[in-house]
Protein backbone atom coordinates (compact mmCIF):
# COMPACT_ATOMS: atom_id res chain seq x y z
CA MET A 1 42.15 -31.80 -42.85
CA VAL A 2 43.37 -35.12 -41.45
CA LYS A 3 40.64 -37.51 -40.41
CA ARG A 4 41.33 -39.41 -37.18
CA LYS A 5 41.07 -43.11 -37.79
CA PHE A 6 39.82 -45.19 -34.90
CA LYS A 7 40.61 -48.85 -34.49
CA TYR A 8 36.99 -49.83 -33.90
CA ALA A 9 33.74 -48.66 -35.53
CA ILE A 10 31.91 -48.25 -32.21
CA ASN A 11 31.23 -44.54 -32.79
CA HIS A 12 29.80 -45.21 -36.23
CA TYR A 13 27.33 -47.81 -34.94
CA LEU A 14 26.42 -45.56 -32.01
CA SER A 15 25.60 -42.79 -34.46
CA ILE A 16 23.13 -44.91 -36.44
CA GLN A 17 21.18 -46.28 -33.49
CA PRO A 18 17.46 -45.49 -33.24
CA ARG A 19 16.71 -42.08 -31.77
CA PRO A 20 16.12 -43.08 -28.10
CA VAL A 21 19.50 -44.86 -27.98
CA HIS A 22 22.42 -42.51 -27.42
CA ILE A 23 25.80 -42.59 -25.76
CA GLY A 24 24.43 -41.86 -22.29
CA THR A 25 21.93 -44.70 -22.57
CA VAL A 26 24.59 -47.14 -23.68
CA ALA A 27 26.99 -45.97 -20.94
CA ARG A 28 24.34 -46.49 -18.24
CA ILE A 29 23.53 -49.99 -19.52
CA LEU A 30 27.22 -50.89 -19.67
CA LEU A 31 27.76 -49.83 -16.07
CA ARG A 32 24.53 -51.29 -14.69
CA ASP A 33 24.47 -54.62 -16.54
CA HIS A 34 28.13 -55.27 -17.36
CA ASN A 35 30.14 -53.26 -14.80
CA ILE A 36 31.95 -51.40 -17.60
CA PRO A 37 32.60 -47.81 -16.46
CA HIS A 38 31.94 -44.86 -18.76
CA ASP A 39 35.64 -43.93 -18.89
CA THR A 40 36.54 -47.45 -20.07
CA PHE A 41 33.88 -47.22 -22.77
CA ASP A 42 35.26 -43.83 -23.86
CA GLN A 43 38.82 -45.16 -23.99
CA ASP A 44 37.65 -48.09 -26.12
CA ARG A 45 35.65 -45.86 -28.49
CA PHE A 46 38.59 -43.57 -29.15
CA LEU A 47 41.42 -46.08 -29.61
CA ARG A 48 43.32 -44.99 -32.69
CA GLU A 49 44.56 -47.33 -35.41
CA GLU A 50 48.16 -46.90 -34.32
CA ASP A 51 47.44 -47.69 -30.64
CA SER A 52 48.78 -51.04 -29.50
CA ASP A 53 45.88 -51.55 -27.05
CA GLU A 54 43.01 -53.81 -28.02
CA ILE A 55 39.53 -54.16 -26.57
CA PRO A 56 39.25 -57.55 -24.82
CA ALA A 57 37.04 -60.00 -26.74
CA ASP A 58 34.44 -60.28 -23.97
CA ARG A 59 33.99 -56.51 -23.77
CA LEU A 60 33.88 -56.19 -27.55
CA GLU A 61 31.12 -58.82 -27.58
CA VAL A 62 29.11 -56.76 -25.07
CA TYR A 63 29.45 -53.67 -27.29
CA ALA A 64 28.39 -55.66 -30.35
CA GLN A 65 25.31 -57.01 -28.56
CA LEU A 66 24.27 -53.55 -27.37
CA LEU A 67 24.76 -52.07 -30.83
CA ASP A 68 23.06 -55.05 -32.46
CA VAL A 69 25.90 -55.82 -34.87
CA PRO A 70 28.26 -58.77 -35.33
CA VAL A 71 31.60 -58.33 -33.58
CA ASP A 72 33.52 -58.37 -36.86
CA LEU A 73 31.71 -55.19 -37.99
CA LEU A 74 33.19 -53.30 -35.05
CA TYR A 75 36.67 -53.65 -36.56
CA GLN A 76 37.37 -50.62 -38.78
CA LYS A 77 37.85 -51.56 -42.41
CA ASP A 78 38.69 -49.29 -45.32
C-alpha cells in the first residue's frame, strides 16, 4: 500500500487535539474569525508533496495558532 504524503502536517496536528476540538470546530473558527472557507482549509490540508501550490504564510500562521504549534512543525518532515 502506498501512503499519500501531504506537504503539511495539518491533519496530524488536528488528530492529536483535545477531544472537543475536531475538524468541524476548527473549520467554523477559521470561517468566523479569519474568513477562511472550509473548502480552502480542505485544499490546504490535502496538498500533496508533489503539488506546486503552497499555503500562504499568513494562513499557515493562523493554522499554527489554532493547532497550538509553531509554524515550522506544520511542514512535513521525514
